[in-house]
Amino acid sequence: MSEHNHSIQISLQSAGEGLSIFGPQDTFLKLIEAEIPAKIDSREAEITIRGNDHDVQVLQQLFDVLLQLVRKGYILTERDVLYAIDLAKDFRADQLLDLYKGEITTTFRGKPIRVKTIGQKHYVTTIKKRDIVFGIGPAGTGKTYLAVVLAVAALKEGSVKKIVLTRQPLRQGKALASYLEICKRRLILICGHYTMPFMMLWVQIKQPSPWRED
């Protein structure tokens, strides 16, 4: 039986759509081809996919979802494409469309802040519903960032009157100074013109209680 026993064509509305979903210098296309063993050709305003039935169906859903995002004005990133590939392998790529329907809030420059994964969406939804939420996961998955974003959004909306920052016990010195500087940079990045109230709070927590060892 031929390895390429099935093929489909996906129509594009413009050459720009192909550039958006394939990425600069076909960066996204190379990621897709490395993960899914099917042949992908693009000519003018059409994408042709050849391969076994399963791989073709996976790629069809993947490109359909990516095209919908592009047509709604979303600018794809390498991270978006990799996550979409993982979801498409289980035929769940369409769940990405729900992630980008709304936004949590905007940065002080007006850039929308959205969840990036299904796990983040569940995390944000839970925080909005519950008074206390424990976020557990690897570093760099957005736990602290999203919690701060939601806190700032609540402050802007008037749902809360102030935000209280807490920290783990740290000795005075480089460790404490480094921690406070990280907090300061994160708040400035997210809050922009809301920096002043947080800067006042930062000054208050800069004078910690004496370190005790029991």
N, C-alpha and C. Protein backbone atom coordinates (compact mmCIF):
# COMPACT_ATOMS: atom_id res chain seq x y z
N MET A 1 0.85 -1.20 0.00
CA MET A 1 0.00 0.00 0.00
C MET A 1 0.88 1.24 0.00
N SER A 2 0.50 2.23 -0.76
CA SER A 2 1.29 3.45 -0.84
C SER A 2 1.28 4.19 0.48
N GLU A 3 2.43 4.78 0.79
CA GLU A 3 2.54 5.54 2.03
C GLU A 3 1.62 6.76 1.99
N HIS A 4 1.51 7.39 0.80
CA HIS A 4 0.66 8.56 0.65
C HIS A 4 -0.64 8.12 -0.02
N ASN A 5 -1.54 7.55 0.77
CA ASN A 5 -2.75 6.98 0.19
C ASN A 5 -3.97 7.88 0.33
N HIS A 6 -3.75 9.08 0.83
CA HIS A 6 -4.88 9.99 0.98
C HIS A 6 -4.38 11.41 0.82
N SER A 7 -5.22 12.28 0.26
CA SER A 7 -4.81 13.68 0.09
C SER A 7 -6.02 14.59 0.16
N ILE A 8 -5.79 15.81 0.62
CA ILE A 8 -6.83 16.83 0.66
C ILE A 8 -6.23 18.17 0.27
N GLN A 9 -7.09 19.11 -0.09
CA GLN A 9 -6.66 20.46 -0.42
C GLN A 9 -7.37 21.44 0.51
N ILE A 10 -6.62 22.41 1.00
CA ILE A 10 -7.18 23.46 1.85
C ILE A 10 -6.97 24.79 1.13
N SER A 11 -8.05 25.51 0.90
CA SER A 11 -7.97 26.77 0.16
C SER A 11 -7.61 27.93 1.09
N LEU A 12 -6.78 28.82 0.58
CA LEU A 12 -6.40 30.03 1.30
C LEU A 12 -7.05 31.23 0.62
N GLN A 13 -7.34 32.24 1.40
CA GLN A 13 -7.94 33.44 0.83
C GLN A 13 -6.90 34.38 0.24
N SER A 14 -5.65 34.21 0.68
CA SER A 14 -4.57 35.05 0.16
C SER A 14 -3.23 34.40 0.45
N ALA A 15 -2.21 34.88 -0.23
CA ALA A 15 -0.86 34.37 0.03
C ALA A 15 -0.40 34.74 1.43
N GLY A 16 -0.93 35.84 1.96
CA GLY A 16 -0.57 36.27 3.31
C GLY A 16 -0.98 35.26 4.37
N GLU A 17 -2.09 34.56 4.13
CA GLU A 17 -2.52 33.54 5.08
C GLU A 17 -1.51 32.40 5.14
N GLY A 18 -0.98 32.03 3.98
CA GLY A 18 0.03 30.97 3.96
C GLY A 18 1.27 31.38 4.73
N LEU A 19 1.67 32.63 4.57
CA LEU A 19 2.84 33.13 5.30
C LEU A 19 2.60 33.13 6.80
N SER A 20 1.38 33.47 7.20
CA SER A 20 1.06 33.54 8.63
C SER A 20 1.06 32.17 9.29
N ILE A 21 0.53 31.15 8.61
CA ILE A 21 0.45 29.83 9.24
C ILE A 21 1.73 29.01 9.04
N PHE A 22 2.53 29.35 8.02
CA PHE A 22 3.80 28.65 7.82
C PHE A 22 4.94 29.33 8.58
N GLY A 23 4.74 30.60 8.94
CA GLY A 23 5.74 31.32 9.71
C GLY A 23 6.85 31.89 8.85
N PRO A 24 7.64 32.80 9.42
CA PRO A 24 8.76 33.37 8.68
C PRO A 24 9.77 32.30 8.29
N GLN A 25 10.13 32.28 7.01
CA GLN A 25 11.06 31.28 6.48
C GLN A 25 10.57 29.85 6.77
N ASP A 26 9.25 29.67 6.75
CA ASP A 26 8.62 28.36 6.96
C ASP A 26 8.95 27.74 8.32
N THR A 27 9.17 28.58 9.31
CA THR A 27 9.52 28.08 10.65
C THR A 27 8.43 27.18 11.22
N PHE A 28 7.17 27.62 11.12
CA PHE A 28 6.07 26.84 11.67
C PHE A 28 5.86 25.55 10.86
N LEU A 29 6.01 25.66 9.55
CA LEU A 29 5.84 24.49 8.69
C LEU A 29 6.85 23.40 9.05
N LYS A 30 8.08 23.79 9.32
CA LYS A 30 9.12 22.82 9.68
C LYS A 30 8.79 22.14 11.01
N LEU A 31 8.21 22.89 11.94
CA LEU A 31 7.80 22.30 13.22
C LEU A 31 6.71 21.26 13.00
N ILE A 32 5.76 21.60 12.13
CA ILE A 32 4.65 20.69 11.85
C ILE A 32 5.15 19.42 11.17
N GLU A 33 6.01 19.58 10.17
CA GLU A 33 6.53 18.42 9.43
C GLU A 33 7.39 17.53 10.31
N ALA A 34 8.06 18.12 11.31
CA ALA A 34 8.89 17.33 12.21
C ALA A 34 8.05 16.47 13.15
N GLU A 35 6.81 16.89 13.40
CA GLU A 35 5.95 16.19 14.35
C GLU A 35 4.97 15.23 13.69
N ILE A 36 4.56 15.55 12.46
CA ILE A 36 3.54 14.75 11.78
C ILE A 36 4.07 14.31 10.42
N PRO A 37 4.26 13.00 10.21
CA PRO A 37 4.89 12.50 8.98
C PRO A 37 3.95 12.48 7.78
N ALA A 38 3.66 13.64 7.26
CA ALA A 38 2.85 13.74 6.04
C ALA A 38 3.50 14.78 5.13
N LYS A 39 3.18 14.72 3.87
CA LYS A 39 3.77 15.65 2.91
C LYS A 39 2.85 16.86 2.75
N ILE A 40 3.42 18.05 2.92
CA ILE A 40 2.65 19.28 2.84
C ILE A 40 3.22 20.14 1.72
N ASP A 41 2.39 20.47 0.75
CA ASP A 41 2.79 21.33 -0.36
C ASP A 41 1.90 22.56 -0.39
N SER A 42 2.49 23.67 -0.76
CA SER A 42 1.72 24.91 -0.89
C SER A 42 1.99 25.52 -2.25
N ARG A 43 0.92 25.81 -2.97
CA ARG A 43 1.06 26.43 -4.29
C ARG A 43 -0.03 27.48 -4.44
N GLU A 44 0.41 28.71 -4.65
CA GLU A 44 -0.49 29.85 -4.78
C GLU A 44 -1.40 29.92 -3.55
N ALA A 45 -2.71 29.75 -3.72
CA ALA A 45 -3.64 29.90 -2.60
C ALA A 45 -4.24 28.55 -2.20
N GLU A 46 -3.39 27.53 -2.14
CA GLU A 46 -3.89 26.20 -1.79
C GLU A 46 -2.81 25.38 -1.10
N ILE A 47 -3.22 24.66 -0.07
CA ILE A 47 -2.33 23.74 0.63
C ILE A 47 -2.78 22.32 0.32
N THR A 48 -1.84 21.48 -0.08
CA THR A 48 -2.14 20.07 -0.36
C THR A 48 -1.44 19.21 0.68
N ILE A 49 -2.19 18.29 1.27
CA ILE A 49 -1.65 17.40 2.29
C ILE A 49 -1.80 15.96 1.80
N ARG A 50 -0.70 15.20 1.84
CA ARG A 50 -0.72 13.80 1.42
C ARG A 50 -0.12 12.94 2.52
N GLY A 51 -0.75 11.81 2.78
CA GLY A 51 -0.25 10.90 3.80
C GLY A 51 -1.29 9.87 4.15
N ASN A 52 -1.06 9.13 5.24
CA ASN A 52 -2.08 8.17 5.65
C ASN A 52 -3.29 8.92 6.20
N ASP A 53 -4.39 8.23 6.28
CA ASP A 53 -5.67 8.87 6.62
C ASP A 53 -5.61 9.61 7.96
N HIS A 54 -4.99 8.99 8.97
CA HIS A 54 -4.93 9.60 10.30
C HIS A 54 -4.14 10.91 10.27
N ASP A 55 -2.95 10.88 9.68
CA ASP A 55 -2.12 12.09 9.64
C ASP A 55 -2.78 13.21 8.86
N VAL A 56 -3.45 12.86 7.78
CA VAL A 56 -4.13 13.87 6.97
C VAL A 56 -5.25 14.53 7.76
N GLN A 57 -6.00 13.73 8.51
CA GLN A 57 -7.08 14.29 9.32
C GLN A 57 -6.54 15.20 10.43
N VAL A 58 -5.42 14.77 11.02
CA VAL A 58 -4.79 15.60 12.06
C VAL A 58 -4.39 16.95 11.49
N LEU A 59 -3.73 16.93 10.34
CA LEU A 59 -3.27 18.17 9.72
C LEU A 59 -4.42 19.03 9.22
N GLN A 60 -5.48 18.38 8.77
CA GLN A 60 -6.64 19.15 8.32
C GLN A 60 -7.23 19.96 9.47
N GLN A 61 -7.38 19.31 10.63
CA GLN A 61 -7.91 20.05 11.78
C GLN A 61 -6.93 21.14 12.23
N LEU A 62 -5.65 20.81 12.22
CA LEU A 62 -4.63 21.77 12.65
C LEU A 62 -4.67 23.03 11.78
N PHE A 63 -4.63 22.86 10.46
CA PHE A 63 -4.62 24.01 9.57
C PHE A 63 -5.95 24.76 9.59
N ASP A 64 -7.05 24.05 9.75
CA ASP A 64 -8.35 24.72 9.85
C ASP A 64 -8.38 25.66 11.06
N VAL A 65 -7.87 25.18 12.19
CA VAL A 65 -7.87 25.99 13.41
C VAL A 65 -6.90 27.17 13.27
N LEU A 66 -5.70 26.91 12.76
CA LEU A 66 -4.72 27.98 12.59
C LEU A 66 -5.25 29.06 11.64
N LEU A 67 -5.93 28.63 10.58
CA LEU A 67 -6.49 29.60 9.64
C LEU A 67 -7.59 30.45 10.29
N GLN A 68 -8.41 29.82 11.11
CA GLN A 68 -9.46 30.58 11.79
C GLN A 68 -8.86 31.64 12.71
N LEU A 69 -7.79 31.27 13.41
CA LEU A 69 -7.13 32.23 14.29
C LEU A 69 -6.53 33.38 13.50
N VAL A 70 -5.87 33.05 12.40
CA VAL A 70 -5.25 34.09 11.56
C VAL A 70 -6.31 35.02 10.99
N ARG A 71 -7.43 34.46 10.56
CA ARG A 71 -8.50 35.28 9.97
C ARG A 71 -9.19 36.17 11.00
N LYS A 72 -9.04 35.83 12.27
CA LYS A 72 -9.58 36.69 13.33
C LYS A 72 -8.57 37.73 13.79
N GLY A 73 -7.41 37.73 13.13
CA GLY A 73 -6.41 38.75 13.44
C GLY A 73 -5.38 38.35 14.46
N TYR A 74 -5.39 37.08 14.88
CA TYR A 74 -4.42 36.64 15.87
C TYR A 74 -3.08 36.36 15.21
N ILE A 75 -2.00 36.86 15.81
CA ILE A 75 -0.65 36.63 15.28
C ILE A 75 -0.06 35.41 15.96
N LEU A 76 0.18 34.37 15.19
CA LEU A 76 0.67 33.11 15.74
C LEU A 76 2.12 33.22 16.19
N THR A 77 2.45 32.46 17.23
CA THR A 77 3.83 32.35 17.69
C THR A 77 4.24 30.88 17.61
N GLU A 78 5.53 30.64 17.76
CA GLU A 78 6.02 29.26 17.73
C GLU A 78 5.38 28.44 18.85
N ARG A 79 5.20 29.05 20.00
CA ARG A 79 4.58 28.36 21.12
C ARG A 79 3.14 27.97 20.79
N ASP A 80 2.41 28.87 20.14
CA ASP A 80 1.02 28.57 19.76
C ASP A 80 0.96 27.37 18.83
N VAL A 81 1.86 27.35 17.85
CA VAL A 81 1.86 26.27 16.86
C VAL A 81 2.21 24.93 17.51
N LEU A 82 3.21 24.93 18.37
CA LEU A 82 3.59 23.68 19.05
C LEU A 82 2.45 23.15 19.91
N TYR A 83 1.77 24.05 20.60
CA TYR A 83 0.65 23.62 21.44
C TYR A 83 -0.50 23.12 20.57
N ALA A 84 -0.74 23.79 19.45
CA ALA A 84 -1.80 23.36 18.54
C ALA A 84 -1.49 21.98 17.96
N ILE A 85 -0.22 21.72 17.67
CA ILE A 85 0.17 20.40 17.16
C ILE A 85 -0.14 19.31 18.19
N ASP A 86 0.22 19.56 19.44
CA ASP A 86 -0.04 18.57 20.50
C ASP A 86 -1.53 18.28 20.64
N LEU A 87 -2.35 19.33 20.57
CA LEU A 87 -3.79 19.14 20.68
C LEU A 87 -4.35 18.43 19.45
N ALA A 88 -3.83 18.78 18.28
CA ALA A 88 -4.33 18.18 17.03
C ALA A 88 -4.08 16.68 16.99
N LYS A 89 -3.01 16.23 17.60
CA LYS A 89 -2.71 14.80 17.60
C LYS A 89 -3.82 14.00 18.28
N ASP A 90 -4.54 14.65 19.20
CA ASP A 90 -5.69 14.00 19.87
C ASP A 90 -7.01 14.56 19.34
N PHE A 91 -6.93 15.26 18.21
CA PHE A 91 -8.11 15.88 17.58
C PHE A 91 -8.81 16.84 18.54
N ARG A 92 -8.00 17.64 19.26
CA ARG A 92 -8.55 18.62 20.19
C ARG A 92 -8.12 20.04 19.85
N ALA A 93 -7.59 20.24 18.66
CA ALA A 93 -7.08 21.56 18.29
C ALA A 93 -8.17 22.62 18.29
N ASP A 94 -9.42 22.21 18.05
CA ASP A 94 -10.51 23.18 18.01
C ASP A 94 -10.74 23.85 19.36
N GLN A 95 -10.22 23.23 20.44
CA GLN A 95 -10.36 23.85 21.76
C GLN A 95 -9.56 25.15 21.86
N LEU A 96 -8.59 25.32 20.98
CA LEU A 96 -7.82 26.56 20.97
C LEU A 96 -8.70 27.77 20.65
N LEU A 97 -9.73 27.56 19.86
CA LEU A 97 -10.59 28.68 19.45
C LEU A 97 -11.27 29.33 20.64
N ASP A 98 -11.62 28.52 21.65
CA ASP A 98 -12.25 29.07 22.85
C ASP A 98 -11.27 29.90 23.67
N LEU A 99 -9.98 29.54 23.60
CA LEU A 99 -8.99 30.25 24.41
C LEU A 99 -8.85 31.71 23.98
N TYR A 100 -9.02 31.96 22.69
CA TYR A 100 -8.75 33.30 22.17
C TYR A 100 -10.01 34.13 21.94
N LYS A 101 -11.14 33.64 22.45
CA LYS A 101 -12.39 34.39 22.26
C LYS A 101 -12.42 35.66 23.11
N GLY A 102 -11.88 35.59 24.30
CA GLY A 102 -11.93 36.74 25.19
C GLY A 102 -10.55 37.07 25.72
N GLU A 103 -10.49 38.07 26.56
CA GLU A 103 -9.23 38.47 27.17
C GLU A 103 -9.45 38.71 28.66
N ILE A 104 -8.40 38.50 29.45
CA ILE A 104 -8.51 38.73 30.89
C ILE A 104 -8.55 40.22 31.16
N THR A 105 -7.60 40.93 30.59
CA THR A 105 -7.52 42.38 30.70
C THR A 105 -6.53 42.84 29.64
N THR A 106 -6.08 44.08 29.73
CA THR A 106 -5.08 44.59 28.80
C THR A 106 -3.91 45.17 29.58
N THR A 107 -2.76 45.22 28.94
CA THR A 107 -1.61 45.88 29.55
C THR A 107 -1.83 47.39 29.51
N PHE A 108 -0.94 48.13 30.15
CA PHE A 108 -1.10 49.59 30.16
C PHE A 108 -0.91 50.18 28.77
N ARG A 109 -0.37 49.38 27.83
CA ARG A 109 -0.23 49.84 26.45
C ARG A 109 -1.38 49.36 25.56
N GLY A 110 -2.35 48.68 26.17
CA GLY A 110 -3.52 48.25 25.42
C GLY A 110 -3.43 46.87 24.79
N LYS A 111 -2.34 46.16 25.04
CA LYS A 111 -2.19 44.82 24.47
C LYS A 111 -3.02 43.83 25.27
N PRO A 112 -3.86 43.02 24.60
CA PRO A 112 -4.71 42.08 25.34
C PRO A 112 -3.90 40.97 26.00
N ILE A 113 -4.33 40.58 27.18
CA ILE A 113 -3.71 39.47 27.90
C ILE A 113 -4.70 38.32 27.88
N ARG A 114 -4.29 37.19 27.31
CA ARG A 114 -5.17 36.03 27.17
C ARG A 114 -4.48 34.80 27.75
N VAL A 115 -5.29 33.79 28.06
CA VAL A 115 -4.73 32.50 28.45
C VAL A 115 -4.14 31.85 27.20
N LYS A 116 -3.14 31.01 27.41
CA LYS A 116 -2.44 30.38 26.29
C LYS A 116 -2.70 28.88 26.18
N THR A 117 -3.16 28.27 27.27
CA THR A 117 -3.38 26.83 27.26
C THR A 117 -4.71 26.51 27.93
N ILE A 118 -5.18 25.29 27.73
CA ILE A 118 -6.42 24.85 28.37
C ILE A 118 -6.26 24.83 29.88
N GLY A 119 -5.06 24.42 30.34
CA GLY A 119 -4.79 24.41 31.77
C GLY A 119 -4.86 25.81 32.36
N GLN A 120 -4.33 26.80 31.65
CA GLN A 120 -4.39 28.18 32.12
C GLN A 120 -5.83 28.67 32.17
N LYS A 121 -6.63 28.27 31.20
CA LYS A 121 -8.03 28.68 31.19
C LYS A 121 -8.75 28.14 32.42
N HIS A 122 -8.50 26.87 32.75
CA HIS A 122 -9.11 26.27 33.94
C HIS A 122 -8.64 26.99 35.20
N TYR A 123 -7.36 27.33 35.23
CA TYR A 123 -6.76 28.04 36.38
C TYR A 123 -7.44 29.39 36.58
N VAL A 124 -7.59 30.16 35.51
CA VAL A 124 -8.21 31.48 35.59
C VAL A 124 -9.67 31.37 36.00
N THR A 125 -10.38 30.42 35.40
CA THR A 125 -11.79 30.23 35.74
C THR A 125 -11.97 29.87 37.21
N THR A 126 -11.08 29.02 37.72
CA THR A 126 -11.16 28.61 39.12
C THR A 126 -10.88 29.78 40.06
N ILE A 127 -9.88 30.60 39.73
CA ILE A 127 -9.56 31.76 40.56
C ILE A 127 -10.75 32.71 40.65
N LYS A 128 -11.45 32.87 39.54
CA LYS A 128 -12.61 33.77 39.53
C LYS A 128 -13.77 33.23 40.36
N LYS A 129 -13.83 31.90 40.49
CA LYS A 129 -14.95 31.29 41.21
C LYS A 129 -14.66 31.06 42.69
N ARG A 130 -13.38 30.87 43.04
CA ARG A 130 -13.03 30.49 44.41
C ARG A 130 -12.26 31.60 45.13
N ASP A 131 -12.38 31.60 46.45
CA ASP A 131 -11.65 32.59 47.25
C ASP A 131 -10.18 32.22 47.41
N ILE A 132 -9.89 30.92 47.51
CA ILE A 132 -8.52 30.46 47.70
C ILE A 132 -8.22 29.38 46.66
N VAL A 133 -7.13 29.57 45.92
CA VAL A 133 -6.72 28.61 44.90
C VAL A 133 -5.23 28.35 45.03
N PHE A 134 -4.83 27.08 45.02
CA PHE A 134 -3.42 26.72 45.02
C PHE A 134 -3.02 26.36 43.59
N GLY A 135 -2.03 27.07 43.07
CA GLY A 135 -1.53 26.79 41.73
C GLY A 135 -0.25 25.97 41.82
N ILE A 136 -0.29 24.76 41.30
CA ILE A 136 0.87 23.86 41.38
C ILE A 136 1.28 23.47 39.97
N GLY A 137 2.55 23.63 39.66
CA GLY A 137 3.01 23.27 38.33
C GLY A 137 4.45 23.69 38.11
N PRO A 138 5.03 23.31 36.99
CA PRO A 138 6.43 23.65 36.69
C PRO A 138 6.63 25.16 36.57
N ALA A 139 7.87 25.58 36.69
CA ALA A 139 8.20 27.00 36.52
C ALA A 139 7.92 27.43 35.08
N GLY A 140 7.48 28.66 34.92
CA GLY A 140 7.27 29.21 33.59
C GLY A 140 5.95 28.87 32.94
N THR A 141 5.00 28.34 33.72
CA THR A 141 3.70 27.97 33.14
C THR A 141 2.63 29.04 33.38
N GLY A 142 3.00 30.17 33.97
CA GLY A 142 2.07 31.29 34.10
C GLY A 142 1.32 31.37 35.41
N LYS A 143 1.71 30.60 36.41
CA LYS A 143 0.96 30.58 37.68
C LYS A 143 0.97 31.96 38.34
N THR A 144 2.15 32.49 38.58
CA THR A 144 2.26 33.79 39.25
C THR A 144 1.76 34.92 38.35
N TYR A 145 2.15 34.87 37.10
CA TYR A 145 1.78 35.94 36.16
C TYR A 145 0.26 36.09 36.07
N LEU A 146 -0.45 34.99 35.87
CA LEU A 146 -1.90 35.07 35.72
C LEU A 146 -2.58 35.48 37.02
N ALA A 147 -2.03 35.04 38.16
CA ALA A 147 -2.60 35.44 39.44
C ALA A 147 -2.48 36.96 39.63
N VAL A 148 -1.32 37.51 39.26
CA VAL A 148 -1.12 38.96 39.37
C VAL A 148 -2.03 39.70 38.39
N VAL A 149 -2.14 39.18 37.17
CA VAL A 149 -3.01 39.80 36.17
C VAL A 149 -4.45 39.87 36.67
N LEU A 150 -4.94 38.78 37.24
CA LEU A 150 -6.31 38.76 37.74
C LEU A 150 -6.48 39.71 38.92
N ALA A 151 -5.45 39.80 39.76
CA ALA A 151 -5.52 40.73 40.89
C ALA A 151 -5.59 42.17 40.40
N VAL A 152 -4.77 42.50 39.42
CA VAL A 152 -4.77 43.86 38.87
C VAL A 152 -6.10 44.16 38.18
N ALA A 153 -6.63 43.17 37.45
CA ALA A 153 -7.92 43.35 36.79
C ALA A 153 -9.02 43.63 37.81
N ALA A 154 -8.99 42.91 38.93
CA ALA A 154 -9.99 43.12 39.99
C ALA A 154 -9.85 44.51 40.59
N LEU A 155 -8.61 44.98 40.73
CA LEU A 155 -8.37 46.32 41.27
C LEU A 155 -8.89 47.39 40.30
N LYS A 156 -8.63 47.21 39.02
CA LYS A 156 -9.09 48.16 38.01
C LYS A 156 -10.62 48.22 37.94
N GLU A 157 -11.25 47.06 38.13
CA GLU A 157 -12.71 46.99 38.06
C GLU A 157 -13.37 47.47 39.34
N GLY A 158 -12.58 47.63 40.40
CA GLY A 158 -13.15 48.05 41.68
C GLY A 158 -13.66 46.92 42.53
N SER A 159 -13.38 45.68 42.13
CA SER A 159 -13.83 44.52 42.90
C SER A 159 -13.08 44.41 44.23
N VAL A 160 -11.83 44.89 44.24
CA VAL A 160 -11.04 44.92 45.47
C VAL A 160 -10.45 46.32 45.61
N LYS A 161 -10.09 46.68 46.85
CA LYS A 161 -9.56 48.01 47.11
C LYS A 161 -8.04 48.03 47.18
N LYS A 162 -7.43 46.89 47.44
CA LYS A 162 -5.97 46.85 47.51
C LYS A 162 -5.49 45.43 47.26
N ILE A 163 -4.22 45.34 46.94
CA ILE A 163 -3.58 44.04 46.73
C ILE A 163 -2.46 43.90 47.75
N VAL A 164 -2.43 42.78 48.42
CA VAL A 164 -1.40 42.52 49.42
C VAL A 164 -0.42 41.50 48.88
N LEU A 165 0.86 41.84 48.86
CA LEU A 165 1.90 40.92 48.42
C LEU A 165 2.50 40.22 49.62
N THR A 166 2.69 38.93 49.51
CA THR A 166 3.34 38.17 50.57
C THR A 166 4.58 37.51 50.00
N ARG A 167 5.44 37.07 50.86
CA ARG A 167 6.68 36.43 50.41
C ARG A 167 7.09 35.36 51.41
N GLN A 168 7.95 34.47 50.95
CA GLN A 168 8.52 33.48 51.84
C GLN A 168 9.58 34.15 52.71
N PRO A 169 9.87 33.59 53.90
CA PRO A 169 10.91 34.19 54.76
C PRO A 169 12.25 34.23 54.04
N LEU A 170 12.88 35.39 54.02
CA LEU A 170 14.19 35.55 53.40
C LEU A 170 15.08 36.36 54.32
N ARG A 171 16.34 36.00 54.37
CA ARG A 171 17.28 36.80 55.13
C ARG A 171 17.47 38.15 54.45
N GLN A 172 17.72 39.17 55.24
CA GLN A 172 18.02 40.46 54.65
C GLN A 172 19.36 40.36 53.92
N GLY A 173 19.44 41.02 52.81
CA GLY A 173 20.66 40.96 52.02
C GLY A 173 20.34 40.76 50.56
N LYS A 174 21.22 40.07 49.85
CA LYS A 174 21.08 39.93 48.40
C LYS A 174 19.82 39.15 48.02
N ALA A 175 19.50 38.09 48.77
CA ALA A 175 18.33 37.27 48.43
C ALA A 175 17.05 38.09 48.51
N LEU A 176 16.90 38.87 49.58
CA LEU A 176 15.71 39.69 49.76
C LEU A 176 15.66 40.80 48.72
N ALA A 177 16.79 41.45 48.49
CA ALA A 177 16.82 42.54 47.51
C ALA A 177 16.47 42.02 46.12
N SER A 178 16.98 40.84 45.78
CA SER A 178 16.70 40.25 44.47
C SER A 178 15.21 39.93 44.34
N TYR A 179 14.62 39.37 45.39
CA TYR A 179 13.20 39.03 45.36
C TYR A 179 12.34 40.27 45.18
N LEU A 180 12.65 41.34 45.92
CA LEU A 180 11.87 42.57 45.82
C LEU A 180 12.01 43.21 44.45
N GLU A 181 13.19 43.11 43.87
CA GLU A 181 13.40 43.68 42.54
C GLU A 181 12.59 42.93 41.49
N ILE A 182 12.50 41.60 41.63
CA ILE A 182 11.69 40.80 40.71
C ILE A 182 10.22 41.20 40.81
N CYS A 183 9.73 41.35 42.05
CA CYS A 183 8.34 41.78 42.25
C CYS A 183 8.10 43.14 41.60
N LYS A 184 9.04 44.04 41.80
CA LYS A 184 8.91 45.39 41.25
C LYS A 184 8.82 45.36 39.73
N ARG A 185 9.70 44.59 39.08
CA ARG A 185 9.72 44.54 37.61
C ARG A 185 8.44 43.93 37.07
N ARG A 186 7.95 42.86 37.73
CA ARG A 186 6.72 42.22 37.25
C ARG A 186 5.53 43.16 37.34
N LEU A 187 5.44 43.88 38.44
CA LEU A 187 4.30 44.78 38.61
C LEU A 187 4.35 45.93 37.62
N ILE A 188 5.54 46.47 37.37
CA ILE A 188 5.67 47.55 36.40
C ILE A 188 5.30 47.06 35.01
N LEU A 189 5.74 45.85 34.67
CA LEU A 189 5.47 45.29 33.35
C LEU A 189 3.97 45.13 33.12
N ILE A 190 3.26 44.64 34.14
CA ILE A 190 1.84 44.36 33.98
C ILE A 190 0.99 45.61 34.20
N CYS A 191 1.36 46.41 35.20
CA CYS A 191 0.46 47.47 35.65
C CYS A 191 0.64 48.80 34.94
N GLY A 192 1.85 49.13 34.54
CA GLY A 192 2.07 50.39 33.85
C GLY A 192 1.71 51.57 34.73
N HIS A 193 0.64 52.30 34.35
CA HIS A 193 0.28 53.49 35.10
C HIS A 193 -0.35 53.16 36.46
N TYR A 194 -0.53 51.87 36.75
CA TYR A 194 -0.99 51.49 38.08
C TYR A 194 0.20 51.18 38.99
N THR A 195 1.37 51.60 38.57
CA THR A 195 2.58 51.27 39.30
C THR A 195 2.62 51.93 40.68
N MET A 196 2.17 53.17 40.81
CA MET A 196 2.37 53.91 42.04
C MET A 196 1.83 53.22 43.29
N PRO A 197 0.56 52.73 43.31
CA PRO A 197 0.09 52.06 44.52
C PRO A 197 0.96 50.87 44.90
N PHE A 198 1.44 50.15 43.88
CA PHE A 198 2.25 48.98 44.16
C PHE A 198 3.64 49.38 44.63
N MET A 199 4.14 50.49 44.09
CA MET A 199 5.45 50.96 44.54
C MET A 199 5.39 51.36 46.00
N MET A 200 4.28 51.95 46.43
CA MET A 200 4.11 52.31 47.83
C MET A 200 4.10 51.06 48.70
N LEU A 201 3.41 50.02 48.20
CA LEU A 201 3.36 48.76 48.93
C LEU A 201 4.74 48.12 48.96
N TRP A 202 5.47 48.24 47.84
CA TRP A 202 6.81 47.67 47.76
C TRP A 202 7.73 48.32 48.78
N VAL A 203 7.59 49.63 48.98
CA VAL A 203 8.40 50.33 49.97
C VAL A 203 8.08 49.81 51.37
N GLN A 204 6.80 49.52 51.62
CA GLN A 204 6.41 49.03 52.94
C GLN A 204 7.00 47.66 53.23
N ILE A 205 6.98 46.76 52.25
CA ILE A 205 7.48 45.41 52.51
C ILE A 205 9.00 45.35 52.42
N LYS A 206 9.61 46.47 52.00
CA LYS A 206 11.06 46.49 51.91
C LYS A 206 11.70 46.49 53.30
N GLN A 207 10.92 46.82 54.33
CA GLN A 207 11.42 46.80 55.70
C GLN A 207 10.84 45.59 56.41
N PRO A 208 11.43 44.42 56.24
CA PRO A 208 10.87 43.19 56.81
C PRO A 208 11.10 43.12 58.32
N SER A 209 10.32 42.28 58.95
CA SER A 209 10.53 42.05 60.37
C SER A 209 11.84 41.30 60.55
N PRO A 210 12.49 41.46 61.70
CA PRO A 210 13.79 40.81 61.92
C PRO A 210 13.70 39.30 61.70
N TRP A 211 14.74 38.76 61.11
CA TRP A 211 14.79 37.32 60.85
C TRP A 211 14.93 36.55 62.15
N ARG A 212 14.13 35.51 62.26
CA ARG A 212 14.19 34.68 63.45
C ARG A 212 14.35 33.23 63.06
N GLU A 213 15.14 32.55 63.79
CA GLU A 213 15.29 31.11 63.61
C GLU A 213 14.84 30.42 64.88
N ASP A 214 13.77 29.66 64.80
CA ASP A 214 13.25 28.97 65.98
C ASP A 214 13.87 27.58 66.10
